[in-house]
Protein backbone atom coordinates (compact mmCIF):
# COMPACT_ATOMS: atom_id res chain seq x y z
CA MET A 1 -121.64 12.67 -32.74
CA ILE A 2 -120.84 9.46 -34.55
CA LYS A 3 -118.43 11.30 -36.84
CA THR A 4 -116.69 12.85 -33.87
CA GLU A 5 -116.24 9.50 -32.17
CA THR A 6 -115.08 7.98 -35.42
CA HIS A 7 -112.59 10.78 -35.93
CA LYS A 8 -111.25 10.33 -32.38
CA GLU A 9 -110.90 6.61 -32.86
CA GLN A 10 -109.00 7.19 -36.07
CA GLY A 11 -106.75 9.59 -34.19
CA PHE A 12 -106.16 6.99 -31.50
CA LEU A 13 -105.36 4.41 -34.14
CA LYS A 14 -102.92 6.75 -35.83
CA VAL A 15 -101.23 7.52 -32.51
CA PHE A 16 -101.15 3.81 -31.62
CA GLN A 17 -99.56 2.92 -34.94
CA GLU A 18 -96.99 5.68 -34.63
CA VAL A 19 -96.05 4.75 -31.07
CA THR A 20 -95.78 1.03 -31.87
CA ARG A 21 -93.73 1.81 -34.97
CA LEU A 22 -91.37 4.02 -33.01
CA ILE A 23 -90.90 1.67 -30.12
CA SER A 24 -90.40 -1.28 -32.47
CA MET A 25 -87.37 0.56 -33.86
CA ALA A 26 -85.76 0.99 -30.46
CA HIS A 27 -83.36 -1.65 -29.14
CA ASP A 28 -82.61 -0.27 -25.71
CA PRO A 29 -85.07 -0.06 -22.77
CA GLN A 30 -83.91 3.45 -21.94
CA GLU A 31 -84.37 4.52 -25.55
CA VAL A 32 -87.92 3.09 -25.51
CA MET A 33 -88.83 4.97 -22.32
CA ASP A 34 -87.29 8.24 -23.53
CA LEU A 35 -89.19 7.97 -26.81
CA VAL A 36 -92.53 7.29 -25.12
CA VAL A 37 -92.37 10.17 -22.61
CA ARG A 38 -91.42 12.62 -25.38
CA ARG A 39 -94.00 11.54 -28.00
CA LEU A 40 -97.10 10.82 -25.88
CA PRO A 41 -97.59 14.39 -24.54
CA GLN A 42 -97.82 15.64 -28.15
CA LEU A 43 -100.02 12.79 -29.35
CA LEU A 44 -102.42 12.76 -26.36
CA GLU A 45 -102.42 16.50 -25.70
CA VAL A 46 -100.96 16.39 -22.19
CA ASP A 47 -98.17 18.51 -20.68
CA ALA A 48 -95.82 15.88 -19.24
CA ALA A 49 -95.17 12.19 -18.96
CA THR A 50 -93.09 10.01 -16.64
CA ILE A 51 -92.21 6.34 -16.55
CA ARG A 52 -91.19 4.60 -13.38
CA LEU A 53 -90.11 0.97 -13.26
CA LEU A 54 -90.65 -1.41 -10.37
CA ASP A 55 -87.56 -2.26 -8.33
CA GLU A 56 -88.45 -5.62 -6.83
CA GLY A 57 -85.60 -5.40 -4.33
CA SER A 58 -87.02 -2.34 -2.58
CA ASP A 59 -90.65 -2.77 -3.84
CA THR A 60 -90.63 0.84 -5.05
CA PHE A 61 -91.13 2.51 -8.41
CA LEU A 62 -87.92 4.19 -9.55
CA LEU A 63 -87.69 6.86 -12.23
CA GLY A 64 -86.90 5.53 -15.68
CA ALA A 65 -87.68 8.50 -17.93
CA ALA A 66 -89.48 11.85 -17.74
CA TYR A 67 -90.49 14.79 -19.91
CA GLY A 68 -92.09 18.14 -19.13
CA VAL A 69 -91.48 18.29 -15.35
CA SER A 70 -88.67 19.60 -13.15
CA ASP A 71 -86.02 17.55 -11.33
CA GLU A 72 -87.34 18.93 -8.04
CA TYR A 73 -90.78 17.47 -8.76
CA LEU A 74 -89.28 14.14 -9.82
CA SER A 75 -87.21 13.91 -6.60
CA ARG A 76 -90.24 14.03 -4.27
CA ALA A 77 -90.43 11.19 -1.75
CA THR A 78 -94.06 10.12 -2.41
CA ILE A 79 -95.33 9.50 -5.95
CA ASP A 80 -99.03 9.44 -5.06
CA SER A 81 -101.40 8.42 -2.29
CA HIS A 82 -101.43 4.91 -0.83
CA GLU A 83 -104.80 4.21 -2.45
CA VAL A 84 -103.58 5.16 -5.94
CA MET A 85 -100.34 3.18 -5.59
CA ALA A 86 -102.26 0.14 -4.33
CA GLU A 87 -104.59 0.31 -7.36
CA LEU A 88 -101.64 0.55 -9.73
CA LYS A 89 -99.89 -2.44 -8.16
CA GLN A 90 -103.08 -4.40 -8.73
CA GLY A 91 -102.92 -3.48 -12.43
CA HIS A 92 -105.75 -0.89 -12.41
CA PRO A 93 -105.39 2.56 -14.04
CA THR A 94 -106.44 5.64 -12.06
CA ALA A 95 -107.39 9.11 -13.26
CA ARG A 96 -107.58 12.04 -10.85
CA ASN A 97 -108.46 15.70 -11.32
CA ASP A 98 -107.51 18.72 -9.17
CA ILE A 99 -104.75 16.76 -7.45
CA ASP A 100 -103.11 20.00 -6.29
CA ILE A 101 -106.17 20.71 -4.13
CA SER A 102 -107.40 17.29 -3.04
CA CYS A 103 -103.94 16.11 -1.99
CA ASP A 104 -103.67 13.74 0.96
CA HIS A 105 -99.96 12.84 1.09
CA ASP A 106 -96.64 14.48 2.00
CA SER A 107 -95.64 15.61 -1.52
CA CYS A 108 -98.48 18.09 -2.09
CA GLU A 109 -96.12 21.07 -1.95
CA TYR A 110 -94.09 19.71 -4.88
CA ILE A 111 -97.29 19.18 -6.92
CA GLN A 112 -98.51 22.70 -6.24
CA ARG A 113 -95.16 24.29 -7.12
CA GLU A 114 -95.06 22.28 -10.35
CA GLY A 115 -98.61 23.40 -11.22
CA VAL A 116 -99.89 19.91 -11.96
CA LYS A 117 -103.68 19.69 -11.91
CA SER A 118 -104.63 16.30 -13.35
CA ALA A 119 -102.91 12.91 -13.61
CA LEU A 120 -103.63 9.69 -15.44
CA SER A 121 -101.61 6.84 -13.84
CA LEU A 122 -101.36 3.62 -15.83
CA PRO A 123 -99.71 0.33 -14.84
CA ILE A 124 -97.18 -0.95 -17.36
CA LEU A 125 -97.89 -4.67 -17.68
CA TYR A 126 -96.12 -7.62 -19.16
CA GLN A 127 -97.86 -10.98 -19.04
CA LYS A 128 -100.28 -9.57 -16.46
CA LYS A 129 -97.41 -8.57 -14.18
CA VAL A 130 -96.86 -4.94 -13.22
CA ILE A 131 -93.33 -3.86 -14.23
CA GLY A 132 -93.81 -0.08 -14.05
CA ILE A 133 -96.04 3.02 -14.12
CA LEU A 134 -96.77 5.50 -16.91
CA ARG A 135 -98.12 8.86 -15.68
CA LEU A 136 -99.63 11.51 -17.99
CA LEU A 137 -99.85 14.98 -16.37
CA THR A 138 -101.64 18.22 -17.26
CA ARG A 139 -101.38 21.72 -15.85
CA GLN A 140 -105.04 22.36 -16.62
CA SER A 141 -107.88 20.53 -14.93
CA ARG A 142 -108.91 17.71 -17.17
CA THR A 143 -111.12 14.70 -16.97
CA PHE A 144 -109.86 11.57 -18.68
CA PRO A 145 -112.77 9.67 -20.28
CA GLU A 146 -112.89 5.87 -20.29
CA GLN A 147 -112.08 5.79 -23.97
CA GLU A 148 -108.82 7.67 -23.45
CA ILE A 149 -107.95 5.53 -20.46
CA GLY A 150 -108.55 2.35 -22.43
CA PHE A 151 -106.46 3.64 -25.30
CA ALA A 152 -103.68 4.71 -22.94
CA MET A 153 -103.75 1.27 -21.36
CA SER A 154 -103.32 -0.30 -24.79
CA LEU A 155 -100.33 1.94 -25.32
CA THR A 156 -98.79 1.04 -21.96
CA GLU A 157 -99.15 -2.64 -22.81
CA GLN A 158 -97.15 -1.98 -25.95
CA VAL A 159 -94.64 -0.05 -23.89
CA GLY A 160 -94.42 -2.97 -21.45
CA ILE A 161 -93.88 -5.40 -24.32
CA ALA A 162 -91.29 -3.14 -25.92
CA ILE A 163 -89.38 -2.61 -22.68
CA THR A 164 -89.43 -6.32 -21.88
CA LYS A 165 -88.47 -7.40 -25.38
CA THR A 166 -85.61 -4.96 -25.59
CA ARG A 167 -84.54 -6.14 -22.17
CA PHE A 168 -84.63 -9.74 -23.39
CA TYR A 169 -82.80 -8.82 -26.57
CA ASN A 170 -80.13 -6.92 -24.68
CA GLU A 171 -79.84 -9.67 -22.11
CA LEU A 172 -79.39 -12.29 -24.84
CA GLU A 173 -76.78 -10.12 -26.51
CA SER A 174 -75.12 -9.44 -23.18
CA GLN A 175 -75.14 -13.11 -22.23
CA VAL A 176 -73.19 -13.99 -25.38
CA LYS A 177 -70.73 -11.22 -24.60
CA PHE A 178 -70.65 -12.12 -20.90
CA LEU A 179 -69.99 -15.78 -21.69
CA GLN A 180 -66.95 -14.80 -23.73
CA GLU A 181 -65.75 -12.39 -21.07
CA LEU A 182 -66.42 -14.90 -18.29
CA THR A 183 -64.12 -17.39 -19.99
CA GLN A 184 -61.40 -14.76 -20.15
CA ILE A 185 -61.83 -13.62 -16.53
CA SER A 186 -61.94 -17.22 -15.32
CA ARG A 187 -58.71 -17.94 -17.16
CA LEU A 188 -57.05 -14.83 -15.75
CA VAL A 189 -58.06 -15.28 -12.12
CA ASN A 190 -57.13 -18.96 -12.17
CA SER A 191 -53.79 -18.39 -13.89
CA THR A 192 -52.16 -17.12 -10.72
CA LEU A 193 -52.03 -17.91 -7.02
CA ASP A 194 -51.10 -14.33 -6.13
CA LEU A 195 -54.04 -12.98 -4.09
CA ASP A 196 -53.38 -9.32 -4.95
CA GLN A 197 -53.23 -10.14 -8.65
CA VAL A 198 -56.51 -12.09 -8.51
CA LEU A 199 -58.28 -9.16 -6.79
CA ALA A 200 -56.79 -6.60 -9.18
CA THR A 201 -57.93 -8.63 -12.21
CA ILE A 202 -61.54 -8.70 -11.00
CA VAL A 203 -61.87 -5.01 -10.05
CA GLU A 204 -60.17 -3.86 -13.27
CA LYS A 205 -61.82 -6.19 -15.80
CA LEU A 206 -65.41 -6.30 -14.50
CA PRO A 207 -66.18 -2.53 -14.77
CA THR A 208 -64.93 -2.47 -18.37
CA ILE A 209 -67.07 -5.44 -19.35
CA MET A 210 -70.23 -4.14 -17.65
CA GLY A 211 -69.73 -0.47 -18.48
CA VAL A 212 -69.75 0.82 -14.91
CA LYS A 213 -67.70 3.48 -13.10
CA GLY A 214 -65.97 1.39 -10.49
CA CYS A 215 -65.75 -1.81 -8.50
CA THR A 216 -64.79 -2.69 -4.94
CA ILE A 217 -64.07 -5.95 -3.17
CA ARG A 218 -64.31 -6.28 0.59
CA LEU A 219 -63.35 -9.55 2.26
CA LEU A 220 -64.40 -10.86 5.65
CA HIS A 221 -61.44 -11.03 8.01
CA PRO A 222 -61.24 -14.61 9.35
CA ALA A 223 -60.46 -13.48 12.90
CA THR A 224 -62.84 -10.52 13.33
CA ASN A 225 -65.48 -11.42 10.69
CA ARG A 226 -65.47 -7.75 9.66
CA LEU A 227 -65.46 -6.54 6.06
CA GLU A 228 -62.12 -5.04 5.04
CA MET A 229 -61.32 -3.30 1.75
CA ALA A 230 -59.20 -5.63 -0.38
CA ALA A 231 -59.25 -4.03 -3.85
CA ALA A 232 -60.92 -1.15 -5.73
CA SER A 233 -60.90 0.64 -9.08
CA GLY A 234 -62.46 3.76 -10.56
CA LEU A 235 -63.17 5.46 -7.22
CA SER A 236 -61.48 8.25 -5.26
CA ASP A 237 -59.57 7.64 -2.05
CA GLU A 238 -61.91 10.08 -0.27
CA TYR A 239 -64.93 7.97 -1.19
CA LEU A 240 -63.23 4.69 -0.32
CA GLN A 241 -62.29 6.05 3.12
CA ARG A 242 -65.79 7.36 3.96
CA GLY A 243 -66.27 4.73 6.69
CA SER A 244 -67.55 1.24 7.37
CA ILE A 245 -70.47 -0.14 5.38
CA SER A 246 -70.92 -3.24 7.56
CA ARG A 247 -74.22 -1.98 9.01
CA GLU A 248 -75.90 -1.14 5.71
CA ASP A 249 -79.12 -3.05 4.98
CA SER A 250 -77.73 -4.03 1.58
CA ILE A 251 -74.76 -5.69 3.25
CA PHE A 252 -76.97 -7.67 5.64
CA LYS A 253 -78.93 -9.05 2.67
CA VAL A 254 -75.84 -9.78 0.61
CA LEU A 255 -74.16 -11.65 3.46
CA LYS A 256 -77.21 -13.93 3.42
CA GLY A 257 -76.42 -14.73 -0.21
CA GLU A 258 -78.86 -12.34 -1.97
CA PRO A 259 -77.73 -9.81 -4.62
CA VAL A 260 -79.00 -6.24 -4.10
CA SER A 261 -79.63 -3.85 -7.00
CA ILE A 262 -79.96 -0.17 -6.05
CA TYR A 263 -81.26 2.19 -8.72
CA ASP A 264 -80.96 5.53 -6.89
CA ALA A 265 -78.04 5.23 -4.49
CA THR A 266 -78.30 8.88 -3.42
CA THR A 267 -81.60 8.30 -1.60
CA ASP A 268 -82.02 4.54 -1.17
CA PRO A 269 -82.16 3.67 2.57
CA ARG A 270 -80.39 0.38 1.96
CA VAL A 271 -77.07 2.25 1.67
CA ASP A 272 -75.43 4.87 3.90
CA TYR A 273 -73.23 7.91 3.20
CA HIS A 274 -75.64 9.50 0.69
CA GLU A 275 -73.70 12.77 0.66
CA ALA A 276 -70.45 10.96 -0.19
CA ILE A 277 -72.29 9.02 -2.91
CA ARG A 278 -73.62 12.24 -4.47
CA LYS A 279 -70.19 13.88 -4.29
CA GLU A 280 -68.61 10.89 -6.05
CA GLY A 281 -71.28 11.08 -8.77
CA ILE A 282 -72.61 7.58 -8.15
CA LYS A 283 -76.16 6.85 -9.23
CA SER A 284 -76.71 3.07 -9.07
CA ILE A 285 -75.04 0.23 -7.19
CA LEU A 286 -75.10 -3.54 -7.55
CA VAL A 287 -74.01 -5.45 -4.43
CA LEU A 288 -73.10 -9.13 -4.71
CA PRO A 289 -71.87 -11.84 -2.33
CA ILE A 290 -68.46 -13.40 -2.94
CA ARG A 291 -68.55 -17.04 -1.99
CA ASN A 292 -66.29 -20.03 -2.21
CA GLU A 293 -67.48 -23.61 -2.28
CA ARG A 294 -68.51 -23.49 1.40
CA GLU A 295 -69.39 -19.99 2.55
CA ILE A 296 -69.62 -16.28 1.81
CA ILE A 297 -66.19 -14.67 2.16
CA GLY A 298 -66.81 -11.11 1.00
CA VAL A 299 -68.80 -8.51 -0.93
CA LEU A 300 -68.40 -7.15 -4.46
CA ARG A 301 -69.94 -3.78 -5.43
CA LEU A 302 -70.38 -2.30 -8.92
CA LEU A 303 -71.09 1.44 -9.14
CA THR A 304 -72.39 3.54 -12.06
CA THR A 305 -72.43 7.25 -12.88
CA GLU A 306 -75.83 6.95 -14.60
CA HIS A 307 -79.06 5.53 -13.25
CA HIS A 308 -79.10 1.92 -14.36
CA PHE A 309 -81.43 -1.04 -13.93
CA PHE A 310 -79.24 -4.10 -13.60
CA THR A 311 -80.90 -6.80 -15.67
CA PRO A 312 -81.17 -10.43 -14.54
CA GLY A 313 -78.54 -11.30 -17.14
CA GLU A 314 -76.12 -8.68 -15.79
CA ILE A 315 -76.73 -9.80 -12.22
CA SER A 316 -76.29 -13.45 -13.17
CA PHE A 317 -73.03 -12.69 -14.98
CA ALA A 318 -71.67 -10.60 -12.10
CA MET A 319 -72.71 -13.32 -9.62
CA THR A 320 -70.86 -15.92 -11.68
CA VAL A 321 -67.75 -13.74 -11.80
CA ALA A 322 -68.00 -13.16 -8.04
CA GLU A 323 -68.29 -16.90 -7.41
CA GLU A 324 -65.44 -17.70 -9.79
CA GLY A 325 -63.42 -14.97 -8.13
CA GLY A 326 -64.33 -16.33 -4.70
CA ASN A 327 -62.89 -19.74 -5.54
CA ALA A 328 -59.76 -18.12 -6.98
CA ILE A 329 -59.44 -15.87 -3.91
CA GLU A 330 -59.76 -18.88 -1.62
CA LYS A 331 -57.08 -20.77 -3.53
CA ALA A 332 -54.80 -17.73 -3.47
CA ARG A 333 -55.43 -17.29 0.27
CA LEU A 334 -54.63 -20.94 0.87
CA TYR A 335 -51.47 -20.65 -1.19
CA ARG A 336 -50.47 -17.54 0.76
CA LYS A 337 -51.05 -19.40 4.04
CA ILE A 338 -49.03 -22.38 2.84
CA THR A 339 -46.23 -20.08 1.64
CA LEU A 340 -46.24 -18.24 4.97
CA LEU A 341 -46.22 -21.55 6.82
CA PHE A 342 -43.27 -22.80 4.79
CA ASN A 343 -41.45 -19.51 5.40
CA GLN A 344 -42.08 -19.87 9.13
CA ILE A 345 -40.88 -23.47 9.04
CA GLU A 346 -37.75 -22.44 7.15
CA GLU A 347 -37.18 -19.62 9.62
CA HIS A 348 -37.59 -22.00 12.55
CA GLU A 349 -35.23 -24.46 10.89
CA ARG A 350 -32.66 -21.73 10.34
CA PHE A 351 -33.03 -20.64 13.96
CA LEU A 352 -32.69 -24.21 15.17
CA GLN A 353 -29.75 -24.83 12.84
CA THR A 354 -28.03 -21.70 14.18
CA ILE A 355 -28.44 -22.93 17.74
CA MET A 356 -27.18 -26.39 16.81
CA ASP A 357 -24.20 -24.97 14.95
CA SER A 358 -23.21 -22.86 17.94
CA LEU A 359 -22.81 -25.92 20.19
CA TRP A 360 -19.39 -27.49 20.71
CA MET A 361 -20.69 -31.00 20.40
CA GLN A 362 -21.81 -33.15 17.51
CA LEU A 363 -25.59 -33.20 16.99
CA LEU A 364 -27.81 -35.34 14.81
CA VAL A 365 -31.60 -35.27 14.44
CA LEU A 366 -33.01 -38.66 13.44
CA SER A 367 -36.40 -39.59 12.03
CA THR A 368 -38.44 -42.63 13.01
CA ASP A 369 -36.98 -44.60 10.10
CA LYS A 370 -33.48 -43.96 11.50
CA ARG A 371 -32.43 -41.42 8.91
CA VAL A 372 -30.58 -38.16 9.47
CA VAL A 373 -32.81 -35.09 8.98
CA MET A 374 -30.48 -32.50 10.52
CA ALA A 375 -26.78 -32.32 11.39
CA ASN A 376 -24.90 -29.45 12.96
CA LYS A 377 -21.72 -27.82 11.73
CA MET A 378 -19.55 -29.47 14.41
CA PHE A 379 -20.62 -32.93 13.22
CA LEU A 380 -20.05 -32.12 9.54
CA GLN A 381 -16.65 -30.52 10.17
CA THR A 382 -15.50 -33.29 12.51
CA GLN A 383 -16.58 -36.06 10.14
CA ARG A 384 -15.51 -34.09 7.05
CA LEU A 385 -18.90 -34.49 5.41
CA LYS A 386 -21.03 -32.23 3.22
CA GLU A 387 -24.55 -31.54 4.38
CA SER A 388 -25.94 -33.26 1.28
CA GLU A 389 -23.93 -36.39 2.16
CA ALA A 390 -25.38 -36.56 5.67
CA LEU A 391 -29.01 -35.51 5.29
CA GLY A 392 -31.32 -38.34 4.33
CA GLY A 393 -28.68 -40.96 4.95
CA ALA A 394 -29.19 -44.02 7.13
CA TYR A 395 -27.99 -43.51 10.69
CA LYS A 396 -25.72 -46.55 10.62
CA ASP A 397 -24.01 -45.24 7.45
CA VAL A 398 -23.57 -41.61 8.57
CA SER A 399 -22.72 -42.06 12.25
CA PRO A 400 -18.99 -42.84 12.79
CA TRP A 401 -19.61 -44.12 16.30
CA SER A 402 -22.39 -46.43 15.18
CA THR A 403 -21.06 -49.98 15.36
CA GLY A 404 -24.17 -51.77 14.28
CA ASP A 405 -26.18 -53.64 16.89
CA ALA A 406 -24.98 -51.63 19.91
CA ALA A 407 -25.83 -48.26 18.36
CA ASP A 408 -29.18 -49.44 17.01
CA LEU A 409 -30.00 -50.97 20.38
CA ALA A 410 -29.69 -47.58 22.12
CA LEU A 411 -31.81 -45.94 19.43
CA ASP A 412 -34.43 -48.69 19.65
CA GLN A 413 -34.58 -48.18 23.42
CA VAL A 414 -35.45 -44.51 22.91
CA PHE A 415 -38.20 -45.29 20.38
CA ALA A 416 -39.62 -48.07 22.54
CA GLY A 417 -39.30 -46.43 25.96
CA LYS A 418 -39.97 -42.83 24.79
CA ALA A 419 -37.33 -41.73 27.31
CA PRO A 420 -33.75 -40.41 27.05
CA VAL A 421 -30.86 -42.88 26.94
CA ALA A 422 -27.17 -42.15 27.75
CA VAL A 423 -24.39 -44.34 26.39
CA LEU A 424 -20.65 -44.34 27.17
CA GLU A 425 -18.63 -46.09 24.46
CA GLN A 426 -14.94 -46.87 23.93
CA LEU A 427 -14.14 -47.27 20.26
CA GLU A 428 -11.02 -47.90 18.23
CA LEU A 429 -10.94 -45.19 15.58
CA LYS A 430 -7.90 -44.77 13.35
CA ASN A 431 -5.82 -47.06 15.58
CA LYS A 432 -6.57 -44.90 18.57
CA THR A 433 -8.76 -45.56 21.56
CA THR A 434 -11.55 -42.98 21.63
CA TRP A 435 -14.25 -42.41 24.23
CA PHE A 436 -17.68 -41.02 23.32
CA GLU A 437 -20.52 -39.90 25.57
CA ARG A 438 -23.83 -40.15 23.63
CA HIS A 439 -27.15 -38.72 24.82
CA LEU A 440 -30.24 -39.75 22.81
CA THR A 441 -33.36 -37.67 23.59
CA PRO A 442 -36.82 -38.27 22.06
CA ILE A 443 -39.09 -35.47 20.74
CA ILE A 444 -42.70 -36.46 21.51
CA ASP A 445 -45.62 -35.34 19.27
CA ASP A 446 -49.15 -34.39 20.35
CA ASN A 447 -50.21 -38.03 20.23
CA GLY A 448 -47.50 -39.11 22.64
CA GLU A 449 -45.42 -40.81 19.95
CA VAL A 450 -41.73 -40.31 19.23
CA GLU A 451 -41.43 -37.98 16.24
CA PHE A 452 -37.67 -37.37 16.22
CA VAL A 453 -34.61 -38.32 18.25
CA ILE A 454 -31.82 -35.85 18.96
CA GLU A 455 -28.42 -37.41 19.52
CA ALA A 456 -25.75 -35.28 21.19
CA VAL A 457 -22.24 -36.75 21.16
CA ARG A 458 -19.16 -35.55 23.03
CA ASP A 459 -15.63 -36.86 22.54
CA ILE A 460 -14.47 -37.38 26.14
CA THR A 461 -11.19 -39.16 25.33
CA ASP A 462 -9.07 -36.40 26.94
CA GLN A 463 -11.30 -36.43 30.00
CA LYS A 464 -10.96 -40.22 30.33
CA LEU A 465 -7.14 -40.01 30.02
CA LEU A 466 -7.04 -37.34 32.69
CA GLU A 467 -9.16 -39.52 34.94
CA GLN A 468 -6.85 -42.49 34.36
CA GLU A 469 -3.75 -40.40 35.07
CA LYS A 470 -5.40 -39.10 38.22
CA MET A 471 -6.08 -42.67 39.35
CA GLU A 472 -2.44 -43.64 38.73
CA ARG A 473 -1.28 -40.62 40.69
CA MET A 474 -3.52 -41.54 43.55
CA LYS A 475 -2.22 -45.11 43.55
CA LEU A 476 1.46 -44.08 43.48
CA GLN A 477 0.86 -41.43 46.12
CA GLY A 478 -0.62 -44.14 48.31
CA VAL A 479 2.41 -46.34 47.78
CA ILE A 480 4.72 -43.46 48.71
CA GLU A 481 2.77 -42.70 51.84
CA MET A 482 2.79 -46.40 52.79
CA ALA A 483 6.57 -46.56 52.21
CA GLY A 484 7.13 -43.53 54.44
CA THR A 485 5.02 -45.10 57.16
CA ALA A 486 6.95 -48.38 56.88
CA ALA A 487 10.30 -46.54 57.01
CA HIS A 488 9.20 -44.65 60.07
CA GLN A 489 8.18 -47.91 61.75
CA LEU A 490 11.58 -49.50 60.90
CA ASN A 491 13.68 -46.65 62.24
CA SER A 492 13.21 -47.44 65.95
CA PRO A 493 14.30 -51.13 65.90
CA LEU A 494 16.94 -50.30 63.30
CA PHE A 495 18.67 -47.70 65.46
CA ALA A 496 18.41 -50.02 68.49
CA ALA A 497 20.11 -52.83 66.54
CA LEU A 498 22.77 -50.44 65.23
CA GLY A 499 23.56 -49.20 68.78
CA SER A 500 23.74 -52.73 70.14
CA ALA A 501 26.10 -53.80 67.32
CA GLN A 502 28.40 -50.89 67.96
CA LEU A 503 28.55 -51.69 71.69
CA LEU A 504 29.12 -55.37 70.97
CA LYS A 505 31.97 -54.48 68.60
CA ASP A 506 33.88 -52.85 71.46
CA ASP A 507 33.72 -56.06 73.55
CA LEU A 508 34.85 -58.49 70.83
CA GLU A 509 38.46 -59.58 70.64
CA SER A 510 38.34 -61.88 67.64
CA ALA A 511 39.34 -60.03 64.49
CA ASP A 512 37.06 -62.19 62.33
CA LEU A 513 34.07 -61.46 64.52
CA VAL A 514 34.86 -57.75 64.55
CA GLU A 515 35.07 -57.76 60.74
CA ASP A 516 31.72 -59.54 60.47
CA LEU A 517 30.14 -57.15 62.98
CA GLU A 518 31.48 -54.13 61.03
CA MET A 519 29.86 -55.49 57.90
CA ILE A 520 26.56 -55.77 59.80
CA ILE A 521 26.94 -52.22 61.08
CA ARG A 522 27.59 -50.96 57.52
CA ASN A 523 24.46 -52.73 56.24
CA LEU A 524 22.39 -51.36 59.09
CA LYS A 525 23.63 -47.85 58.25
CA ASN A 526 22.74 -48.40 54.60
CA ILE A 527 19.25 -49.46 55.68
CA ALA A 528 19.03 -46.37 57.90
CA ASP A 529 20.00 -44.17 54.93
CA LEU A 530 17.30 -45.87 52.82
CA THR A 531 14.55 -45.34 55.41
CA ARG A 532 15.64 -41.72 55.73
CA GLU A 533 15.29 -41.35 51.99
CA MET A 534 11.87 -43.00 52.10
CA THR A 535 10.57 -40.63 54.74
CA ALA A 536 11.89 -37.63 52.74
CA VAL A 537 9.82 -38.46 49.58
CA THR A 538 6.85 -35.97 49.20
CA GLY A 539 5.58 -36.61 45.65
CA PHE A 540 6.50 -37.59 42.11
CA THR A 541 6.43 -36.47 38.48
CA SER A 542 6.03 -38.58 35.38
CA GLN A 543 7.21 -38.13 31.83
CA GLU A 544 6.64 -39.99 28.58
CA TYR A 545 8.95 -42.78 27.65
CA VAL A 546 8.90 -45.33 24.84
CA GLY A 547 5.38 -46.25 23.63
CA ASP A 548 2.79 -46.00 26.39
CA ALA A 549 5.46 -46.37 29.16
CA ARG A 550 6.19 -43.43 31.49
CA ILE A 551 9.11 -42.74 33.86
CA VAL A 552 8.32 -41.77 37.45
CA GLU A 553 10.70 -39.33 39.18
CA LEU A 554 10.34 -38.98 42.96
CA LYS A 555 10.36 -35.58 44.62
CA ARG A 556 12.20 -35.04 47.94
CA GLY A 557 11.60 -32.39 50.55
CA ALA A 558 14.34 -30.00 51.74
CA LYS A 559 16.93 -31.51 54.16
CA ASP A 560 16.90 -30.36 57.74
CA ASP A 561 19.72 -27.99 58.69
């Protein structure tokens, strides 16, 4: 009996040494798990072995490696009963026999079809923390003695150490690589203010660095607060157009600032569209928030074609890239907004300039410091100025009708009174009297202050000359009408005097008196002819003469037959 026990212990020691030697040579967690599940069945005389690792995000044990069982068995929903799983999470191994008969959960059918009779379930520990489960399965009923269980636990501790150490080693190696790549990505995304280029850099570079199938970026629309696809790589259009993901549990968590790592995306309830995920060949997904300095602005997703546990180092690196990208995206968005705003301003200025140029009056737009900020084509052509000569210039230097104090006084009135001012000015320009009608109108800002003043100027010299000529016509017409009235009033006494003189002439005998009376009669007739001419005048015309003098020619009506 003692020899048998000693022989078994020596066998255990040999197996332990071989397993520890093998796992010490592995440098990848997956390689460690694959090695363990393939070697232990031979060494411990069992039919199959599986390793599942704890996914803290979903608090479930996800398949890491398996040997000796079918994919159908591995895909069952329930690993074991609630009691067994609770014991394992507490760090206690469990051994059960005839599990195909005494089955009390919803996966019994899978166990029976697989032909599994006995199972030894062992927690994989690291520093007293459960990180996974090792299960040894047999297709013959078997009882696992305490000695075997204790030995198996020792092995699982070594497995836990190996998995953790290789994880640490890989993470350290990855962090060095990630640090180098992060510097490059940071330089690339911050080297441009083109939003599309920033997004394309992230979705193209990140999958290559992390060895994943594809990457997507969805940004929250500022108006609707809905996620909209902004950039993607490595994925088909059919998959990208599968529908909205806004209601996925993973998205809710990520929008709160928490990264979500999904090992089996084809079944995990935290994501939707499982059929589309299977068709695309996606196995694992890492979902990360994209934030700027103030808030979360979007979601970044990394997708793999192989089942993959995203390590803390990988998640930290991807989070850093997402945050760096978020700041770059925000700067690019801001630049795009500023560019759009400037384009709109330029478009409005062009529209305003077109309107101003279409007006047949001279227009100036003045700033609060009395400088010209806009001038229309009529002003520039009339004053024979280039736009560069007018814009930015002082009002008193650019304005030809500005005569110093008078012009500034009108402008000051507008700024002070915040109300339009109209000015009529007569100026001597180029030895010629010129009349200008100036309208100064303030543009009021949201605070009620004058922001700009628009001055519209019309040359009304021709209008003023027409008005003056009209006044002269009216005056002369009045004189003519008064002369006609006076002539009409003179006619009656004139004809009476002329008749009396002619009668008196017939009674005179003195030749001298007759001669004098004839002279009087002639003069009275001349006066009668003059009054007749005066009453016949109906209007006048004028024509230019020397200098500013004009000749007036009277118009007469037709003589009576």
